[in-house]
């Protein structure tokens, strides 16, 4: 079965972007969230990229 990046329906705080990435990469979602916040603080565009990901990444099909 081919893996597909989707928004998480079970592991989400806002839109499920980090939870979906964690499921896709098979890592803990807390690690993804910490990396996302750190990258946002260092490079600055994290919130905008998060919103774009929430719009672009499809929801998981049942």
N, C-alpha and C. Protein backbone atom coordinates (compact mmCIF):
# COMPACT_ATOMS: atom_id res chain seq x y z
N UNK A 1 0.85 -1.18 0.00
CA UNK A 1 0.00 0.00 0.00
C UNK A 1 0.89 1.25 0.00
N UNK A 2 0.59 2.18 -0.85
CA UNK A 2 1.35 3.41 -0.97
C UNK A 2 0.96 4.38 0.15
N UNK A 3 1.98 4.96 0.81
CA UNK A 3 1.72 5.94 1.85
C UNK A 3 1.31 7.26 1.21
N UNK A 4 0.38 7.95 1.89
CA UNK A 4 -0.09 9.23 1.40
C UNK A 4 -0.16 10.21 2.56
N UNK A 5 0.36 11.41 2.35
CA UNK A 5 0.31 12.44 3.38
C UNK A 5 -1.10 13.02 3.45
N UNK A 6 -1.71 12.91 4.63
CA UNK A 6 -3.05 13.45 4.85
C UNK A 6 -3.09 14.13 6.22
N UNK A 7 -4.09 14.96 6.42
CA UNK A 7 -4.30 15.56 7.74
C UNK A 7 -4.77 14.48 8.69
N UNK A 8 -4.28 14.49 9.91
CA UNK A 8 -4.69 13.51 10.90
C UNK A 8 -6.06 13.88 11.47
N UNK A 9 -6.91 12.88 11.60
CA UNK A 9 -8.23 13.10 12.20
C UNK A 9 -8.21 12.76 13.69
N UNK A 10 -7.21 11.98 14.14
CA UNK A 10 -7.16 11.53 15.52
C UNK A 10 -6.11 12.26 16.35
N UNK A 11 -5.01 12.68 15.73
CA UNK A 11 -3.90 13.32 16.45
C UNK A 11 -3.76 14.75 15.96
N UNK A 12 -4.69 15.60 16.39
CA UNK A 12 -4.63 16.99 15.93
C UNK A 12 -4.86 17.94 17.08
N UNK A 13 -4.18 19.07 17.00
CA UNK A 13 -4.36 20.15 17.96
C UNK A 13 -5.13 21.30 17.31
N UNK A 14 -4.79 21.61 16.06
CA UNK A 14 -5.50 22.68 15.34
C UNK A 14 -6.13 22.09 14.08
N UNK A 15 -5.31 21.81 13.06
CA UNK A 15 -5.82 21.27 11.81
C UNK A 15 -5.39 19.84 11.55
N UNK A 16 -4.40 19.33 12.28
CA UNK A 16 -3.91 17.96 12.07
C UNK A 16 -2.72 17.87 11.15
N UNK A 17 -2.07 18.99 10.86
CA UNK A 17 -0.92 19.00 9.96
C UNK A 17 0.24 18.22 10.57
N UNK A 18 0.61 18.55 11.79
CA UNK A 18 1.75 17.89 12.44
C UNK A 18 1.44 16.41 12.71
N UNK A 19 0.23 16.12 13.12
CA UNK A 19 -0.17 14.73 13.34
C UNK A 19 -0.12 13.93 12.06
N UNK A 20 -0.55 14.52 10.96
CA UNK A 20 -0.50 13.84 9.67
C UNK A 20 0.92 13.61 9.20
N UNK A 21 1.79 14.59 9.41
CA UNK A 21 3.20 14.42 9.05
C UNK A 21 3.85 13.35 9.91
N UNK A 22 3.50 13.30 11.19
CA UNK A 22 4.04 12.28 12.08
C UNK A 22 3.60 10.88 11.66
N UNK A 23 2.34 10.74 11.27
CA UNK A 23 1.85 9.44 10.79
C UNK A 23 2.58 9.04 9.51
N UNK A 24 2.78 9.98 8.61
CA UNK A 24 3.45 9.71 7.34
C UNK A 24 4.91 9.31 7.55
N UNK A 25 5.61 10.02 8.46
CA UNK A 25 7.02 9.75 8.72
C UNK A 25 7.23 8.66 9.77
N UNK A 26 6.15 8.20 10.39
CA UNK A 26 6.18 7.17 11.43
C UNK A 26 7.05 7.58 12.62
N UNK A 27 6.84 8.81 13.09
CA UNK A 27 7.52 9.32 14.28
C UNK A 27 6.46 9.89 15.22
N UNK A 28 6.88 10.25 16.42
CA UNK A 28 5.98 10.83 17.41
C UNK A 28 5.57 12.24 16.99
N UNK A 29 4.31 12.55 17.13
CA UNK A 29 3.81 13.87 16.71
C UNK A 29 4.40 14.99 17.56
N UNK A 30 4.76 14.70 18.80
CA UNK A 30 5.37 15.71 19.65
C UNK A 30 6.69 16.18 19.06
N UNK A 31 7.47 15.26 18.51
CA UNK A 31 8.73 15.60 17.86
C UNK A 31 8.49 16.55 16.68
N UNK A 32 7.49 16.26 15.87
CA UNK A 32 7.17 17.11 14.71
C UNK A 32 6.74 18.49 15.19
N UNK A 33 5.92 18.55 16.23
CA UNK A 33 5.46 19.84 16.75
C UNK A 33 6.62 20.68 17.29
N UNK A 34 7.53 20.04 18.02
CA UNK A 34 8.69 20.77 18.55
C UNK A 34 9.56 21.28 17.41
N UNK A 35 9.79 20.45 16.40
CA UNK A 35 10.60 20.86 15.25
C UNK A 35 9.92 22.01 14.51
N UNK A 36 8.60 21.95 14.38
CA UNK A 36 7.85 23.00 13.67
C UNK A 36 7.98 24.34 14.40
N UNK A 37 7.83 24.31 15.73
CA UNK A 37 7.95 25.54 16.52
C UNK A 37 9.38 26.08 16.44
N UNK A 38 10.36 25.20 16.57
CA UNK A 38 11.76 25.63 16.51
C UNK A 38 12.07 26.26 15.15
N UNK A 39 11.63 25.61 14.08
CA UNK A 39 11.86 26.15 12.74
C UNK A 39 11.14 27.48 12.55
N UNK A 40 9.95 27.61 13.13
CA UNK A 40 9.21 28.88 13.03
C UNK A 40 9.94 30.00 13.74
N UNK A 41 10.52 29.70 14.88
CA UNK A 41 11.25 30.72 15.63
C UNK A 41 12.55 31.12 14.92
N UNK A 42 13.20 30.14 14.27
CA UNK A 42 14.48 30.42 13.60
C UNK A 42 14.27 31.11 12.26
N UNK A 43 13.35 30.55 11.43
CA UNK A 43 13.19 31.08 10.08
C UNK A 43 11.97 31.99 9.90
N UNK A 44 11.01 31.92 10.81
CA UNK A 44 9.95 32.91 10.84
C UNK A 44 8.66 32.65 10.10
N UNK A 45 8.62 31.88 9.06
CA UNK A 45 7.41 31.75 8.24
C UNK A 45 6.57 30.53 8.61
N UNK A 46 6.77 29.97 9.79
CA UNK A 46 6.11 28.72 10.18
C UNK A 46 4.60 28.79 10.22
N UNK A 47 4.04 29.87 10.72
CA UNK A 47 2.59 29.98 10.82
C UNK A 47 1.96 30.03 9.44
N UNK A 48 2.54 30.81 8.55
CA UNK A 48 2.03 30.89 7.18
C UNK A 48 2.13 29.53 6.48
N UNK A 49 3.25 28.86 6.64
CA UNK A 49 3.43 27.55 6.01
C UNK A 49 2.46 26.54 6.59
N UNK A 50 2.22 26.59 7.91
CA UNK A 50 1.26 25.70 8.55
C UNK A 50 -0.14 25.89 7.96
N UNK A 51 -0.55 27.13 7.80
CA UNK A 51 -1.88 27.41 7.23
C UNK A 51 -1.95 26.93 5.78
N UNK A 52 -0.90 27.15 5.01
CA UNK A 52 -0.87 26.65 3.64
C UNK A 52 -0.96 25.13 3.60
N UNK A 53 -0.24 24.46 4.48
CA UNK A 53 -0.29 23.00 4.55
C UNK A 53 -1.70 22.52 4.91
N UNK A 54 -2.35 23.23 5.84
CA UNK A 54 -3.71 22.86 6.25
C UNK A 54 -4.68 22.98 5.07
N UNK A 55 -4.42 23.91 4.18
CA UNK A 55 -5.28 24.09 3.01
C UNK A 55 -4.95 23.08 1.91
N UNK A 56 -3.67 22.81 1.70
CA UNK A 56 -3.23 21.98 0.58
C UNK A 56 -3.32 20.47 0.86
N UNK A 57 -2.93 20.04 2.06
CA UNK A 57 -2.91 18.61 2.37
C UNK A 57 -4.35 18.11 2.49
N UNK A 58 -4.68 17.02 1.79
CA UNK A 58 -6.07 16.52 1.83
C UNK A 58 -6.39 15.83 3.14
N UNK A 59 -7.69 15.77 3.45
CA UNK A 59 -8.15 15.03 4.63
C UNK A 59 -8.13 13.55 4.32
N UNK A 60 -7.97 12.75 5.38
CA UNK A 60 -7.92 11.30 5.21
C UNK A 60 -9.29 10.78 4.79
N UNK A 61 -9.28 9.92 3.78
CA UNK A 61 -10.54 9.30 3.32
C UNK A 61 -10.86 8.12 4.23
N UNK A 62 -12.11 7.96 4.57
CA UNK A 62 -12.51 6.84 5.44
C UNK A 62 -12.52 5.57 4.73
